[in-house]
Amino acid sequence: MFIGVDHGTNAMRFAGIDKDGVRTFELPRSEVATMSGEEILGSFTSGLGVDISDIELAAVTYSMGDGITAIEDLRNVKSRGVVSIEGVGKKTGAGTLVFDAIKDSVIPAVLIPGIHSKSNTDPRLNVFSHSTSPEKIGIAYNARCKGVDNLVVSDISSNTVTVGVCGGKLTGAIDACIFAPGTQHGPLDLEAIRDVDAGKYSANEAFMNAGVLSRSPYSSVNELLKALDDGEDEAVLAMERISLFAAMEIAAMQVLMEDLGSHGKVFLAGSMGEHEFVVERIGKHLSVMPEVLGKWSAAIGCAEIARDIAGGANHILGLEVHFES
């Protein structure tokens, strides 16, 4: 079996691919944070119905992935492949525990990089230090494995990140702290910058609370979706905001794609990206119906990366592979 590990915002998701198809399993990050390495290994292997000895290769994502530019042997990377764990995002320690559990086991594994200023993507986008974390590479590869060489995929959930692939190679990405807000996270606007400078909260706290929920009467996604089902105007407005900004971000990536010779098929992923309201609205804004990948696409895409590396692939979406089985 080939394993993919998605270091998600709220959960660690695992996917396994074998001759019988795809299996999936997830653990909340808060739960993982209380487990030992042995318990983590036992939990996800049991959840996927596989023995450790039957795992041929795992592809792992960790944090920002900004310390590496190629797909590396997990055991050879320094500092788990990151420059620092400080920055933006929620920290529970779950990703570190999963990384170390796999590293200390007998499971062969590779580590997937994020896209950042040292990546071999379009240099015009490298004005930003970081473009996307590694799990979005898994999502893009999952879309690529559907036989599409030119695509734009937007992962919409607690935050929104959009990735472009042209001619089967990564062209670049637009990160959550740059453009479109998700439900919880988003870019810092003028008011947030002033509040950070005034010492009211940290920049990370500002980012973590810059999503559309912060401009609504709802405190959670479940509350928002219930209100949407009840037809509340504020809920409709919040979902319209998510959809509009995501569509604008996709269209922005398509400007780059067209400059490179392709418009790109549109894919959506993430908990909001698979909601019918968001899919319909984005389709309306872009005059094209997106294909929905769903919340498991990152883990499945990583498992597909592991499968293809084990099969001899030396490049994945243009990223070099540094691994010898």
Protein backbone atom coordinates (compact mmCIF):
# COMPACT_ATOMS: atom_id res chain seq x y z
CA MET A 1 0.00 0.00 0.00
CA PHE A 2 1.03 3.61 -0.63
CA ILE A 3 0.21 6.18 2.05
CA GLY A 4 -0.47 9.91 1.85
CA VAL A 5 -0.50 12.18 4.92
CA ASP A 6 -2.34 15.52 4.87
CA HIS A 7 -1.29 17.97 7.59
CA GLY A 8 -4.66 19.74 7.64
CA THR A 9 -5.80 22.70 9.72
CA ASN A 10 -8.09 20.71 11.99
CA ALA A 11 -7.16 17.08 11.37
CA MET A 12 -4.41 14.77 10.19
CA ARG A 13 -5.82 12.86 7.23
CA PHE A 14 -4.40 9.62 5.89
CA ALA A 15 -5.13 7.90 2.59
CA GLY A 16 -3.98 4.51 1.36
CA ILE A 17 -3.92 3.23 -2.20
CA ASP A 18 -3.58 -0.42 -3.13
CA LYS A 19 -4.90 -2.80 -5.78
CA ASP A 20 -8.33 -2.69 -4.14
CA GLY A 21 -8.68 1.11 -4.37
CA VAL A 22 -8.52 4.02 -1.92
CA ARG A 23 -9.01 4.01 1.84
CA THR A 24 -9.17 7.07 4.09
CA PHE A 25 -8.87 7.80 7.79
CA GLU A 26 -8.54 10.96 9.87
CA LEU A 27 -7.52 11.94 13.39
CA PRO A 28 -8.37 15.33 14.92
CA ARG A 29 -5.16 17.26 15.59
CA SER A 30 -6.22 17.79 19.20
CA GLU A 31 -6.42 14.01 19.63
CA VAL A 32 -3.09 13.33 17.92
CA ALA A 33 -1.40 15.85 20.24
CA THR A 34 -2.06 13.51 23.21
CA MET A 35 -0.79 10.31 21.54
CA SER A 36 2.57 8.55 21.55
CA GLY A 37 4.34 7.69 18.30
CA GLU A 38 3.39 4.04 18.72
CA GLU A 39 -0.25 4.97 19.26
CA ILE A 40 -0.24 7.20 16.15
CA LEU A 41 1.19 4.42 13.98
CA GLY A 42 -1.24 1.89 15.38
CA SER A 43 -4.21 4.21 14.93
CA PHE A 44 -3.73 5.17 11.28
CA THR A 45 -2.55 1.72 10.13
CA SER A 46 -5.57 0.16 11.83
CA GLY A 47 -7.81 2.84 10.37
CA LEU A 48 -6.51 2.09 6.88
CA GLY A 49 -6.52 -1.66 7.44
CA VAL A 50 -2.83 -2.17 6.67
CA ASP A 51 0.21 -3.62 8.43
CA ILE A 52 3.27 -1.38 8.68
CA SER A 53 5.31 -3.99 6.81
CA ASP A 54 2.93 -3.72 3.83
CA ILE A 55 3.49 0.04 3.34
CA GLU A 56 5.78 0.41 0.34
CA LEU A 57 6.11 4.20 0.55
CA ALA A 58 4.48 7.12 2.37
CA ALA A 59 4.38 10.74 1.19
CA VAL A 60 4.18 13.17 4.10
CA THR A 61 3.36 16.88 4.38
CA TYR A 62 4.55 19.03 7.28
CA SER A 63 3.84 22.66 8.16
CA MET A 64 4.99 25.25 5.58
CA GLY A 65 7.50 22.97 3.83
CA ASP A 66 9.64 26.04 3.14
CA GLY A 67 13.01 24.52 4.02
CA ILE A 68 13.15 22.28 0.94
CA THR A 69 12.51 22.73 -2.79
CA ALA A 70 12.35 19.08 -3.90
CA ILE A 71 10.60 15.94 -2.74
CA GLU A 72 13.13 14.51 -0.29
CA ASP A 73 13.76 11.34 1.64
CA LEU A 74 12.05 12.18 4.93
CA ARG A 75 14.98 10.85 6.95
CA ASN A 76 17.50 13.11 5.21
CA VAL A 77 15.84 16.50 5.76
CA LYS A 78 16.92 18.99 8.39
CA SER A 79 14.44 20.67 10.77
CA ARG A 80 11.60 18.59 9.31
CA GLY A 81 11.89 20.54 6.05
CA VAL A 82 10.89 23.93 7.45
CA VAL A 83 12.68 27.21 8.10
CA SER A 84 10.67 27.70 11.31
CA ILE A 85 7.40 26.53 12.79
CA GLU A 86 6.68 30.14 13.75
CA GLY A 87 4.47 32.22 11.48
CA VAL A 88 0.82 31.85 10.64
CA GLY A 89 -1.56 29.06 11.48
CA LYS A 90 -2.76 26.93 14.36
CA LYS A 91 -0.11 24.97 16.30
CA THR A 92 -1.04 21.83 18.26
CA GLY A 93 2.11 19.74 17.82
CA ALA A 94 0.14 17.03 16.02
CA GLY A 95 2.04 17.33 12.74
CA THR A 96 5.38 17.08 14.53
CA LEU A 97 4.28 13.93 16.35
CA VAL A 98 3.09 12.27 13.12
CA PHE A 99 6.30 13.26 11.31
CA ASP A 100 8.48 11.84 14.08
CA ALA A 101 6.39 8.68 14.41
CA ILE A 102 6.88 7.90 10.72
CA LYS A 103 10.56 8.91 10.75
CA ASP A 104 11.26 6.61 13.71
CA SER A 105 9.41 3.70 12.13
CA VAL A 106 10.39 1.26 9.37
CA ILE A 107 8.06 2.97 6.88
CA PRO A 108 9.94 4.34 3.81
CA ALA A 109 8.82 7.94 3.37
CA VAL A 110 9.30 11.11 1.36
CA LEU A 111 8.61 14.68 2.44
CA ILE A 112 6.78 17.03 0.06
CA PRO A 113 7.85 20.70 -0.09
CA GLY A 114 5.66 23.76 -0.14
CA ILE A 115 5.96 26.49 -2.79
CA HIS A 116 8.03 29.48 -1.69
CA SER A 117 10.47 32.08 -2.96
CA LYS A 118 13.18 29.49 -3.70
CA SER A 119 10.89 27.17 -5.67
CA ASN A 120 11.29 26.58 -9.40
CA THR A 121 7.85 28.03 -10.14
CA ASP A 122 7.16 31.27 -12.05
CA PRO A 123 9.64 33.78 -10.55
CA ARG A 124 7.20 36.66 -10.88
CA LEU A 125 5.22 35.24 -7.97
CA ASN A 126 8.30 34.93 -5.77
CA VAL A 127 7.85 38.47 -4.49
CA PHE A 128 6.10 36.63 -1.65
CA SER A 129 8.21 34.47 0.68
CA HIS A 130 5.59 31.72 0.83
CA SER A 131 2.90 30.67 -1.63
CA THR A 132 1.45 27.41 -0.32
CA SER A 133 2.05 24.60 2.11
CA PRO A 134 2.76 21.02 0.95
CA GLU A 135 -0.71 19.50 1.25
CA LYS A 136 -1.90 21.72 -1.62
CA ILE A 137 0.70 19.97 -3.80
CA GLY A 138 -1.14 16.77 -2.95
CA ILE A 139 -4.44 18.33 -4.03
CA ALA A 140 -2.93 19.55 -7.30
CA TYR A 141 -1.48 16.10 -8.01
CA ASN A 142 -4.82 14.46 -7.30
CA ALA A 143 -6.34 16.73 -9.96
CA ARG A 144 -3.41 16.04 -12.31
CA CYS A 145 -4.00 12.30 -11.93
CA LYS A 146 -7.40 12.78 -13.56
CA GLY A 147 -5.54 13.30 -16.82
CA VAL A 148 -5.51 17.11 -16.80
CA ASP A 149 -2.23 18.87 -17.69
CA ASN A 150 -3.46 22.45 -17.22
CA LEU A 151 -5.47 23.29 -14.14
CA VAL A 152 -6.25 25.72 -11.34
CA VAL A 153 -7.28 24.22 -8.02
CA SER A 154 -8.64 26.26 -5.12
CA ASP A 155 -8.77 24.72 -1.65
CA ILE A 156 -11.47 26.55 0.29
CA SER A 157 -12.07 25.84 3.97
CA SER A 158 -10.82 27.64 7.07
CA ASN A 159 -8.54 29.46 4.62
CA THR A 160 -8.34 29.70 0.82
CA VAL A 161 -5.28 28.76 -1.26
CA THR A 162 -5.14 28.51 -5.05
CA VAL A 163 -2.55 26.59 -7.09
CA GLY A 164 -1.82 26.64 -10.83
CA VAL A 165 -0.42 23.79 -12.93
CA CYS A 166 0.54 24.37 -16.59
CA GLY A 167 1.82 21.60 -18.83
CA GLY A 168 1.86 19.26 -15.85
CA LYS A 169 4.19 21.54 -13.85
CA LEU A 170 3.51 23.85 -10.93
CA THR A 171 3.41 27.48 -12.02
CA GLY A 172 2.76 29.03 -8.62
CA ALA A 173 0.22 29.58 -5.87
CA ILE A 174 -1.61 32.31 -3.95
CA ASP A 175 -1.45 31.77 -0.21
CA ALA A 176 -4.12 32.34 2.41
CA CYS A 177 -2.50 35.45 3.88
CA ILE A 178 -2.31 37.19 0.49
CA PHE A 179 -5.75 37.27 -1.13
CA ALA A 180 -9.02 35.36 -0.57
CA PRO A 181 -10.34 34.81 2.98
CA GLY A 182 -11.68 31.48 4.13
CA THR A 183 -14.16 30.94 6.93
CA GLN A 184 -11.62 31.67 9.70
CA HIS A 185 -8.34 32.94 8.22
CA GLY A 186 -7.51 35.70 5.78
CA PRO A 187 -5.16 38.54 4.82
CA LEU A 188 -4.57 41.45 7.15
CA ASP A 189 -6.42 44.61 6.12
CA LEU A 190 -5.65 48.18 7.22
CA GLU A 191 -7.61 47.90 10.46
CA ALA A 192 -5.82 44.67 11.40
CA ILE A 193 -2.39 46.16 10.66
CA ARG A 194 -3.20 49.15 12.88
CA ASP A 195 -4.41 46.85 15.67
CA VAL A 196 -1.25 44.71 15.44
CA ASP A 197 0.93 47.84 15.59
CA ALA A 198 -1.08 49.00 18.60
CA GLY A 199 -0.32 45.72 20.37
CA LYS A 200 -3.92 44.53 20.57
CA TYR A 201 -2.93 41.09 19.22
CA SER A 202 -0.19 39.40 17.22
CA ALA A 203 -0.09 39.26 13.42
CA ASN A 204 -0.81 35.53 13.60
CA GLU A 205 -3.85 36.14 15.80
CA ALA A 206 -5.03 38.74 13.29
CA PHE A 207 -4.61 36.25 10.43
CA MET A 208 -6.40 33.52 12.37
CA ASN A 209 -9.43 35.80 12.79
CA ALA A 210 -9.61 37.52 9.39
CA GLY A 211 -12.00 35.11 7.70
CA VAL A 212 -15.60 35.81 6.74
CA LEU A 213 -16.93 34.56 10.10
CA SER A 214 -15.29 37.55 11.77
CA ARG A 215 -17.56 39.83 9.71
CA SER A 216 -20.68 37.83 10.50
CA PRO A 217 -22.81 37.07 13.58
CA TYR A 218 -21.74 33.39 13.47
CA SER A 219 -19.02 31.88 15.65
CA SER A 220 -18.54 28.59 13.80
CA VAL A 221 -18.93 26.99 10.39
CA ASN A 222 -21.71 24.72 11.70
CA GLU A 223 -23.62 27.76 12.94
CA LEU A 224 -23.10 29.48 9.60
CA LEU A 225 -24.33 26.49 7.59
CA LYS A 226 -27.39 26.02 9.81
CA ALA A 227 -28.26 29.67 9.32
CA LEU A 228 -27.78 29.24 5.58
CA ASP A 229 -30.25 26.35 5.60
CA ASP A 230 -32.67 28.63 7.46
CA GLY A 231 -32.27 31.26 4.74
CA GLU A 232 -30.72 33.96 6.96
CA ASP A 233 -29.47 36.92 4.93
CA GLU A 234 -26.21 37.25 6.91
CA ALA A 235 -25.38 33.62 6.21
CA VAL A 236 -26.03 34.05 2.50
CA LEU A 237 -23.79 37.13 2.50
CA ALA A 238 -20.96 35.24 4.23
CA MET A 239 -21.12 32.43 1.68
CA GLU A 240 -21.30 34.96 -1.17
CA ARG A 241 -18.12 36.55 0.16
CA ILE A 242 -16.28 33.23 0.29
CA SER A 243 -17.42 32.39 -3.23
CA LEU A 244 -16.65 35.80 -4.75
CA PHE A 245 -13.13 36.08 -3.37
CA ALA A 246 -12.29 32.47 -4.29
CA ALA A 247 -13.53 33.07 -7.83
CA MET A 248 -11.45 36.25 -8.05
CA GLU A 249 -8.38 34.36 -6.85
CA ILE A 250 -8.94 31.58 -9.40
CA ALA A 251 -9.36 34.19 -12.14
CA ALA A 252 -6.12 35.87 -11.01
CA MET A 253 -4.25 32.57 -11.34
CA GLN A 254 -5.78 32.11 -14.79
CA VAL A 255 -4.18 35.39 -15.87
CA LEU A 256 -0.80 33.75 -15.22
CA MET A 257 -1.94 30.50 -16.85
CA GLU A 258 -3.01 32.31 -20.02
CA ASP A 259 0.32 34.14 -20.14
CA LEU A 260 1.90 30.68 -20.24
CA GLY A 261 -0.46 29.45 -22.93
CA SER A 262 -3.36 27.79 -21.13
CA HIS A 263 -6.57 28.81 -19.34
CA GLY A 264 -6.65 25.83 -16.97
CA LYS A 265 -9.52 23.59 -15.89
CA VAL A 266 -10.98 24.66 -12.53
CA PHE A 267 -11.06 22.29 -9.56
CA LEU A 268 -12.32 22.96 -6.02
CA ALA A 269 -11.34 21.22 -2.78
CA GLY A 270 -11.90 21.69 0.93
CA SER A 271 -15.01 21.71 3.12
CA MET A 272 -16.33 24.96 1.62
CA GLY A 273 -15.10 24.06 -1.86
CA GLU A 274 -17.44 21.08 -1.95
CA HIS A 275 -20.49 22.96 -0.64
CA GLU A 276 -23.09 23.26 -3.41
CA PHE A 277 -23.70 26.97 -2.71
CA VAL A 278 -20.00 27.80 -3.21
CA VAL A 279 -19.65 25.52 -6.25
CA GLU A 280 -22.66 27.08 -7.93
CA ARG A 281 -21.63 30.66 -7.21
CA ILE A 282 -18.03 30.17 -8.34
CA GLY A 283 -19.32 28.49 -11.48
CA LYS A 284 -21.55 31.50 -12.12
CA HIS A 285 -18.73 34.00 -11.55
CA LEU A 286 -16.32 32.14 -13.84
CA SER A 287 -18.92 30.97 -16.40
CA VAL A 288 -17.64 27.40 -16.01
CA MET A 289 -18.71 24.59 -13.72
CA PRO A 290 -15.77 23.55 -11.48
CA GLU A 291 -14.98 19.91 -10.74
CA VAL A 292 -15.13 19.12 -7.02
CA LEU A 293 -12.33 17.05 -5.46
CA GLY A 294 -13.46 17.08 -1.82
CA LYS A 295 -11.68 17.17 1.52
CA TRP A 296 -9.74 13.92 1.00
CA SER A 297 -7.98 15.10 -2.16
CA ALA A 298 -4.76 16.19 -0.38
CA ALA A 299 -4.22 12.86 1.36
CA ILE A 300 -5.18 10.88 -1.75
CA GLY A 301 -2.95 13.04 -3.95
CA CYS A 302 -0.02 12.45 -1.58
CA ALA A 303 -0.68 8.69 -1.75
CA GLU A 304 -0.67 8.98 -5.55
CA ILE A 305 2.67 10.78 -5.32
CA ALA A 306 4.06 7.91 -3.21
CA ARG A 307 2.72 5.36 -5.69
CA ASP A 308 4.28 7.09 -8.69
CA ILE A 309 7.65 7.67 -6.99
CA ALA A 310 7.75 3.99 -6.07
CA GLY A 311 7.02 3.31 -9.74
CA GLY A 312 10.12 5.28 -10.79
CA ALA A 313 8.94 8.89 -11.24
CA ASN A 314 11.83 11.34 -10.80
CA HIS A 315 9.68 14.48 -11.11
CA ILE A 316 6.26 15.27 -9.66
CA LEU A 317 4.53 18.40 -11.04
CA GLY A 318 7.99 19.65 -12.01
CA LEU A 319 9.46 19.04 -8.54
CA GLU A 320 12.60 16.92 -8.45
CA VAL A 321 12.44 13.68 -6.48
CA HIS A 322 15.45 12.87 -4.29
CA PHE A 323 14.71 9.36 -3.05
CA GLU A 324 16.24 5.96 -3.56
CA SER A 325 14.15 2.99 -2.53
